[in-house]
Structures are given as structure tokens and as C-alpha cells.
C-alpha atoms as a PDB file:
ATOM      1  CA  MET A   1       0.000   0.000   0.000  1.00  0.00           C
ATOM      2  CA  LEU A   2       2.779   2.484   0.839  1.00  0.00           C
ATOM      3  CA  TYR A   3       4.512   1.974  -2.484  1.00  0.00           C
ATOM      4  CA  GLU A   4       1.200   2.463  -4.330  1.00  0.00           C
ATOM      5  CA  GLU A   5       0.754   5.873  -2.665  1.00  0.00           C
ATOM      6  CA  PHE A   6       4.276   6.904  -3.611  1.00  0.00           C
ATOM      7  CA  ASN A   7       3.889   5.506  -7.116  1.00  0.00           C
ATOM      8  CA  ASP A   8       0.617   7.420  -7.631  1.00  0.00           C
ATOM      9  CA  PHE A   9       2.387  10.676  -6.772  1.00  0.00           C
ATOM     10  CA  PHE A  10       5.358   9.777  -8.979  1.00  0.00           C
ATOM     11  CA  ASP A  11       3.028   8.982 -11.928  1.00  0.00           C
ATOM     12  CA  VAL A  12       1.278  12.366 -11.629  1.00  0.00           C
ATOM     13  CA  ALA A  13       4.647  14.162 -11.499  1.00  0.00           C
ATOM     14  CA  ARG A  14       5.937  12.246 -14.524  1.00  0.00           C
ATOM     15  CA  LYS A  15       2.756  12.904 -16.544  1.00  0.00           C
ATOM     16  CA  ARG A  16       3.056  16.628 -15.799  1.00  0.00           C
ATOM     17  CA  HIS A  17       6.776  16.568 -16.696  1.00  0.00           C
ATOM     18  CA  ILE A  18       7.876  17.695 -13.229  1.00  0.00           C
ATOM     19  CA  ILE A  19      11.666  17.492 -12.939  1.00  0.00           C
ATOM     20  CA  PHE A  20      11.912  18.833  -9.383  1.00  0.00           C
ATOM     21  CA  PHE A  21       9.449  19.341  -6.534  1.00  0.00           C
ATOM     22  CA  TYR A  22       9.937  20.397  -2.918  1.00  0.00           C
ATOM     23  CA  VAL A  23       7.476  21.314  -0.217  1.00  0.00           C
ATOM     24  CA  GLY A  24       8.563  22.131   3.296  1.00  0.00           C
ATOM     25  CA  TYR A  25      10.697  24.617   5.134  1.00  0.00           C
ATOM     26  CA  PHE A  26      13.271  26.702   3.285  1.00  0.00           C
ATOM     27  CA  SER A  27      16.563  27.796   4.848  1.00  0.00           C
ATOM     28  CA  GLN A  28      19.900  28.794   3.313  1.00  0.00           C
ATOM     29  CA  HIS A  29      21.126  25.203   3.748  1.00  0.00           C
ATOM     30  CA  VAL A  30      18.030  23.744   2.091  1.00  0.00           C
ATOM     31  CA  VAL A  31      18.309  26.213  -0.818  1.00  0.00           C
ATOM     32  CA  ALA A  32      21.987  25.313  -1.300  1.00  0.00           C
ATOM     33  CA  ALA A  33      21.136  21.602  -1.434  1.00  0.00           C
ATOM     34  CA  ILE A  34      18.223  22.192  -3.803  1.00  0.00           C
ATOM     35  CA  SER A  35      20.486  24.331  -6.020  1.00  0.00           C
ATOM     36  CA  GLU A  36      22.867  21.432  -6.573  1.00  0.00           C
ATOM     37  CA  THR A  37      20.003  19.100  -7.410  1.00  0.00           C
ATOM     38  CA  ILE A  38      18.425  21.595  -9.814  1.00  0.00           C
ATOM     39  CA  LYS A  39      21.727  22.098 -11.636  1.00  0.00           C
ATOM     40  CA  ALA A  40      22.081  18.343 -12.098  1.00  0.00           C
ATOM     41  CA  ARG A  41      18.452  17.894 -13.206  1.00  0.00           C
ATOM     42  CA  LEU A  42      18.753  20.732 -15.747  1.00  0.00           C
ATOM     43  CA  ASP A  43      21.914  19.158 -17.166  1.00  0.00           C
ATOM     44  CA  VAL A  44      20.090  15.839 -17.583  1.00  0.00           C
ATOM     45  CA  ALA A  45      17.102  17.656 -19.138  1.00  0.00           C
ATOM     46  CA  GLY A  46      19.449  19.248 -21.680  1.00  0.00           C
ATOM     47  CA  ALA A  47      18.787  22.884 -20.760  1.00  0.00           C
ATOM     48  CA  ALA A  48      21.102  25.304 -22.571  1.00  0.00           C
ATOM     49  CA  GLY A  49      23.476  27.469 -20.514  1.00  0.00           C
ATOM     50  CA  PRO A  50      21.477  30.726 -20.747  1.00  0.00           C
ATOM     51  CA  THR A  51      18.251  28.872 -19.909  1.00  0.00           C
ATOM     52  CA  ARG A  52      19.871  27.215 -16.886  1.00  0.00           C
ATOM     53  CA  ARG A  53      21.072  30.641 -15.680  1.00  0.00           C
ATOM     54  CA  ARG A  54      17.572  32.168 -15.980  1.00  0.00           C
ATOM     55  CA  ILE A  55      15.945  29.181 -14.255  1.00  0.00           C
ATOM     56  CA  PHE A  56      18.488  29.229 -11.462  1.00  0.00           C
ATOM     57  CA  SER A  57      18.146  33.020 -11.051  1.00  0.00           C
ATOM     58  CA  SER A  58      14.349  32.743 -10.754  1.00  0.00           C
ATOM     59  CA  PHE A  59      14.659  29.814  -8.344  1.00  0.00           C
ATOM     60  CA  VAL A  60      16.891  31.916  -6.085  1.00  0.00           C
ATOM     61  CA  GLU A  61      14.400  34.817  -6.153  1.00  0.00           C
ATOM     62  CA  MET A  62      11.464  32.532  -5.397  1.00  0.00           C
ATOM     63  CA  SER A  63      13.371  30.924  -2.522  1.00  0.00           C
ATOM     64  CA  GLN A  64      14.317  34.328  -1.127  1.00  0.00           C
ATOM     65  CA  ASN A  65      10.662  35.381  -1.250  1.00  0.00           C
ATOM     66  CA  ILE A  66       9.705  32.285   0.735  1.00  0.00           C
ATOM     67  CA  MET A  67      12.470  32.788   3.307  1.00  0.00           C
ATOM     68  CA  HIS A  68      11.689  36.502   3.717  1.00  0.00           C
ATOM     69  CA  TYR A  69       7.905  36.676   3.433  1.00  0.00           C
ATOM     70  CA  SER A  70       6.232  33.328   4.155  1.00  0.00           C
ATOM     71  CA  SER A  71       3.897  33.764   7.107  1.00  0.00           C
ATOM     72  CA  ASP A  72       4.623  30.205   8.331  1.00  0.00           C
ATOM     73  CA  SER A  73       7.957  30.450  10.102  1.00  0.00           C
ATOM     74  CA  LEU A  74       9.950  28.225  12.412  1.00  0.00           C
ATOM     75  CA  THR A  75      12.080  31.230  13.390  1.00  0.00           C
ATOM     76  CA  PRO A  76      10.927  34.407  15.178  1.00  0.00           C
ATOM     77  CA  ASP A  77       9.897  37.271  12.872  1.00  0.00           C
ATOM     78  CA  GLU A  78      12.367  39.604  14.558  1.00  0.00           C
ATOM     79  CA  GLN A  79      15.241  37.266  13.611  1.00  0.00           C
ATOM     80  CA  ALA A  80      16.695  39.029  10.580  1.00  0.00           C
ATOM     81  CA  GLU A  81      18.990  36.247   9.342  1.00  0.00           C
ATOM     82  CA  ASN A  82      18.811  32.488   8.926  1.00  0.00           C
ATOM     83  CA  GLN A  83      15.056  32.471   8.501  1.00  0.00           C
ATOM     84  CA  ILE A  84      13.321  29.104   8.124  1.00  0.00           C
ATOM     85  CA  ARG A  85       9.929  29.454   6.457  1.00  0.00           C
ATOM     86  CA  ARG A  86       7.464  27.178   4.677  1.00  0.00           C
ATOM     87  CA  GLY A  87       6.748  27.120   0.978  1.00  0.00           C
ATOM     88  CA  SER A  88       6.801  24.926  -2.090  1.00  0.00           C
ATOM     89  CA  PHE A  89       8.614  25.017  -5.389  1.00  0.00           C
ATOM     90  CA  CYS A  90       8.637  22.968  -8.570  1.00  0.00           C
ATOM     91  CA  ILE A  91      10.196  22.970 -12.000  1.00  0.00           C
ATOM     92  CA  GLY A  92       8.620  21.236 -14.943  1.00  0.00           C
ATOM     93  CA  MET A  93       8.713  21.159 -18.697  1.00  0.00           C
ATOM     94  CA  LYS A  94       5.975  22.025 -21.134  1.00  0.00           C
ATOM     95  CA  GLY A  95       6.996  21.655 -24.739  1.00  0.00           C
ATOM     96  CA  ASP A  96      10.360  23.361 -25.215  1.00  0.00           C
ATOM     97  CA  SER A  97       9.902  25.612 -22.173  1.00  0.00           C
ATOM     98  CA  PHE A  98      10.476  25.202 -18.470  1.00  0.00           C
ATOM     99  CA  PHE A  99       8.016  26.429 -15.871  1.00  0.00           C
ATOM    100  CA  LEU A 100       8.728  27.340 -12.271  1.00  0.00           C
ATOM    101  CA  LEU A 101       5.934  27.349  -9.701  1.00  0.00           C
ATOM    102  CA  CYS A 102       6.247  28.666  -6.191  1.00  0.00           C
ATOM    103  CA  ALA A 103       3.682  28.959  -3.401  1.00  0.00           C
ATOM    104  CA  ASN A 104       3.779  30.104   0.194  1.00  0.00           C
ATOM    105  CA  PRO A 105       1.426  31.535   2.798  1.00  0.00           C
ATOM    106  CA  VAL A 106       1.488  35.312   3.287  1.00  0.00           C
ATOM    107  CA  ASP A 107      -0.310  37.561   5.728  1.00  0.00           C
ATOM    108  CA  SER A 108      -3.602  38.562   4.056  1.00  0.00           C
ATOM    109  CA  ALA A 109      -2.809  42.205   4.827  1.00  0.00           C
ATOM    110  CA  ASN A 110       0.115  42.003   2.347  1.00  0.00           C
ATOM    111  CA  VAL A 111      -1.878  40.776  -0.655  1.00  0.00           C
ATOM    112  CA  GLN A 112      -2.566  44.247  -2.100  1.00  0.00           C
ATOM    113  CA  ARG A 113       1.074  45.324  -1.731  1.00  0.00           C
ATOM    114  CA  ILE A 114       2.359  42.195  -3.495  1.00  0.00           C
ATOM    115  CA  SER A 115      -0.259  42.464  -6.203  1.00  0.00           C
ATOM    116  CA  SER A 116       0.565  46.128  -6.844  1.00  0.00           C
ATOM    117  CA  ARG A 117       4.187  45.158  -7.538  1.00  0.00           C
ATOM    118  CA  LEU A 118       3.283  42.344  -9.916  1.00  0.00           C
ATOM    119  CA  GLU A 119       0.380  43.803 -11.925  1.00  0.00           C
ATOM    120  CA  PRO A 120       2.428  46.483 -13.759  1.00  0.00           C
ATOM    121  CA  LEU A 121       4.801  43.789 -15.037  1.00  0.00           C
ATOM    122  CA  HIS A 122       1.989  42.362 -17.204  1.00  0.00           C
ATOM    123  CA  THR A 123       1.857  45.430 -19.424  1.00  0.00           C
ATOM    124  CA  MET A 124       5.573  46.253 -19.532  1.00  0.00           C
ATOM    125  CA  THR A 125       7.743  45.374 -22.503  1.00  0.00           C
ATOM    126  CA  MET A 126      11.022  43.555 -21.951  1.00  0.00           C
ATOM    127  CA  GLU A 127      12.878  46.845 -22.487  1.00  0.00           C
ATOM    128  CA  GLU A 128      10.704  48.530 -19.850  1.00  0.00           C
ATOM    129  CA  ILE A 129      11.366  45.670 -17.433  1.00  0.00           C
ATOM    130  CA  LYS A 130      15.121  45.921 -18.023  1.00  0.00           C
ATOM    131  CA  SER A 131      14.984  49.691 -17.566  1.00  0.00           C
ATOM    132  CA  ALA A 132      12.983  49.341 -14.325  1.00  0.00           C
ATOM    133  CA  TYR A 133      15.525  46.769 -13.123  1.00  0.00           C
ATOM    134  CA  LYS A 134      18.441  49.132 -13.756  1.00  0.00           C
ATOM    135  CA  LYS A 135      16.564  51.953 -12.021  1.00  0.00           C
ATOM    136  CA  ALA A 136      15.823  49.741  -9.008  1.00  0.00           C
ATOM    137  CA  LEU A 137      19.535  48.932  -8.748  1.00  0.00           C
ATOM    138  CA  ARG A 138      20.296  52.656  -8.368  1.00  0.00           C
ATOM    139  CA  ASP A 139      17.349  53.482  -6.063  1.00  0.00           C
ATOM    140  CA  GLU A 140      17.130  53.040  -2.319  1.00  0.00           C
ATOM    141  CA  THR A 141      15.796  49.708  -1.093  1.00  0.00           C
ATOM    142  CA  PRO A 142      12.019  49.966  -0.558  1.00  0.00           C
ATOM    143  CA  ALA A 143      11.115  50.266   3.130  1.00  0.00           C
ATOM    144  CA  ASP A 144       8.909  47.155   3.019  1.00  0.00           C
ATOM    145  CA  SER A 145      11.541  45.017   1.268  1.00  0.00           C
ATOM    146  CA  LYS A 146      13.892  42.626   3.035  1.00  0.00           C
ATOM    147  CA  GLY A 147      16.113  42.520  -0.055  1.00  0.00           C
ATOM    148  CA  ALA A 148      16.904  45.016  -2.769  1.00  0.00           C
ATOM    149  CA  GLY A 149      13.343  45.025  -4.164  1.00  0.00           C
ATOM    150  CA  LEU A 150      14.520  43.334  -7.364  1.00  0.00           C
ATOM    151  CA  GLY A 151      12.940  39.886  -7.053  1.00  0.00           C
ATOM    152  CA  PHE A 152       9.856  40.234  -9.243  1.00  0.00           C
ATOM    153  CA  LEU A 153      11.781  42.346 -11.780  1.00  0.00           C
ATOM    154  CA  THR A 154      14.475  39.664 -11.953  1.00  0.00           C
ATOM    155  CA  MET A 155      11.898  36.927 -12.537  1.00  0.00           C
ATOM    156  CA  ALA A 156      10.067  39.029 -15.151  1.00  0.00           C
ATOM    157  CA  ARG A 157      13.367  39.805 -16.902  1.00  0.00           C
ATOM    158  CA  ASP A 158      14.286  36.099 -17.008  1.00  0.00           C
ATOM    159  CA  ALA A 159      10.846  34.856 -18.111  1.00  0.00           C
ATOM    160  CA  SER A 160       9.785  34.382 -21.718  1.00  0.00           C
ATOM    161  CA  GLU A 161       6.137  35.227 -20.892  1.00  0.00           C
ATOM    162  CA  PRO A 162       4.504  37.529 -18.330  1.00  0.00           C
ATOM    163  CA  LEU A 163       4.582  36.177 -14.786  1.00  0.00           C
ATOM    164  CA  GLU A 164       1.342  34.563 -13.630  1.00  0.00           C
ATOM    165  CA  PHE A 165       0.200  34.878 -10.040  1.00  0.00           C
ATOM    166  CA  GLU A 166      -2.796  34.349  -7.815  1.00  0.00           C
ATOM    167  CA  PHE A 167      -3.853  34.540  -4.195  1.00  0.00           C
ATOM    168  CA  VAL A 168      -5.980  31.831  -2.595  1.00  0.00           C
ATOM    169  CA  LYS A 169      -7.414  31.921   0.927  1.00  0.00           C
ATOM    170  CA  ASP A 170      -5.569  29.505   3.182  1.00  0.00           C
ATOM    171  CA  ALA A 171      -8.098  26.878   4.261  1.00  0.00           C
ATOM    172  CA  HIS A 172      -6.070  26.140   7.419  1.00  0.00           C
ATOM    173  CA  ASN A 173      -5.402  29.713   8.571  1.00  0.00           C
ATOM    174  CA  PRO A 174      -8.037  32.464   8.191  1.00  0.00           C
ATOM    175  CA  ASP A 175      -5.373  35.206   8.574  1.00  0.00           C
ATOM    176  CA  ALA A 176      -3.249  33.856   5.720  1.00  0.00           C
ATOM    177  CA  THR A 177      -3.480  33.725   1.978  1.00  0.00           C
ATOM    178  CA  ILE A 178      -1.505  31.406  -0.276  1.00  0.00           C
ATOM    179  CA  PHE A 179       0.539  33.361  -2.815  1.00  0.00           C
ATOM    180  CA  CYS A 180       1.360  31.448  -6.006  1.00  0.00           C
ATOM    181  CA  ILE A 181       3.617  32.661  -8.798  1.00  0.00           C
ATOM    182  CA  LYS A 182       4.610  31.018 -12.082  1.00  0.00           C
ATOM    183  CA  ALA A 183       7.403  31.865 -14.501  1.00  0.00           C
ATOM    184  CA  ILE A 184       7.834  30.347 -17.972  1.00  0.00           C
ATOM    185  CA  ILE A 185      11.435  30.210 -19.147  1.00  0.00           C
END
């Protein structure tokens, strides 16, 4: 019976062309281990060098978002470094493209702020995204950012299509919302 359960999951992943999947708590050590696995999986999948770089860059940004902003944390919020927070991440293939999916719980009060950063990216051209990225490099770090405020711009710059995202109420926590983002590379 146990093997059947595992095999059912494996069959679904194979049918959806998932080459990597992780759900659990993210820390710097976990991200480092996942990075090595992703590099190996992309080599086996035959991803070209520039594609591997864009996938890896987006993976790092998604992981940073989980470690900085997930509302499910094993570490105290006031702890600035070495955060351990829950989320999920997967890489799959669809045709000749790779897709990256990431999901994590966020405080429902942050949904509008996150959405307001992502929505403009849908109408921007690649040149406008690159220009906004360069401008963000020169500007001060936004007050509500735990990084340089470049994460979504980096993912949009690396993607071959506009980023997709959605917010879904967390069925297990009424104060949280699940934030999902997808990049096609």
C-alpha cells in the first residue's frame, strides 16, 4: 500500500513533466542543497546554458521570497537572518519551455502590496522591465523590502512570458493567503 501511494504521486509528477518538486521549510542550507540538485536535473534535461542561468536566477528569487515573506515560520519574525519558512517550489517542462511554480502563505494584509508590484509587469515590454531593473539597482531599497526590491523584476526579466500569479485563501489559517507565482522560461 505504501509503495502504491508513492507511485501514484510519482506517476502524476511524470505525466506533468515535473523534474523537481519540494514542499517544506526553506533555509539557506536547504536552498543550497536544492540548487545542486536543480543544476544536475537541468543538465540531464538538456537545458542550454542561458536557460539554466535564468531558471536558477528565478529559483533563487522565489526561494528568497519564501524565506523573507512566508507567514509560516519556524524562526521568530524579529530574527533578521537564517530564517526558516514554509513554501513549495517545482520545475517542470511544457513543450520546449520550463516552468517554475512557487507557493507560500502570506499575511492577508500584504496581498494588495504584493499584487501592486506584480500587476504592472503584465503590461511592460522587456525593455521597460530591463529599464525598471536598472533603475531599481540605483534606487534606495524599498522600506517594506527585506532585499533590494529586485525579485519580481528579476523573474520578469528572465521569463519568456509575463509572470502569472494568484492569491488563494488559506483553508487552514483564516489570517493567511496562499501566494502562487509562475514563470515560464
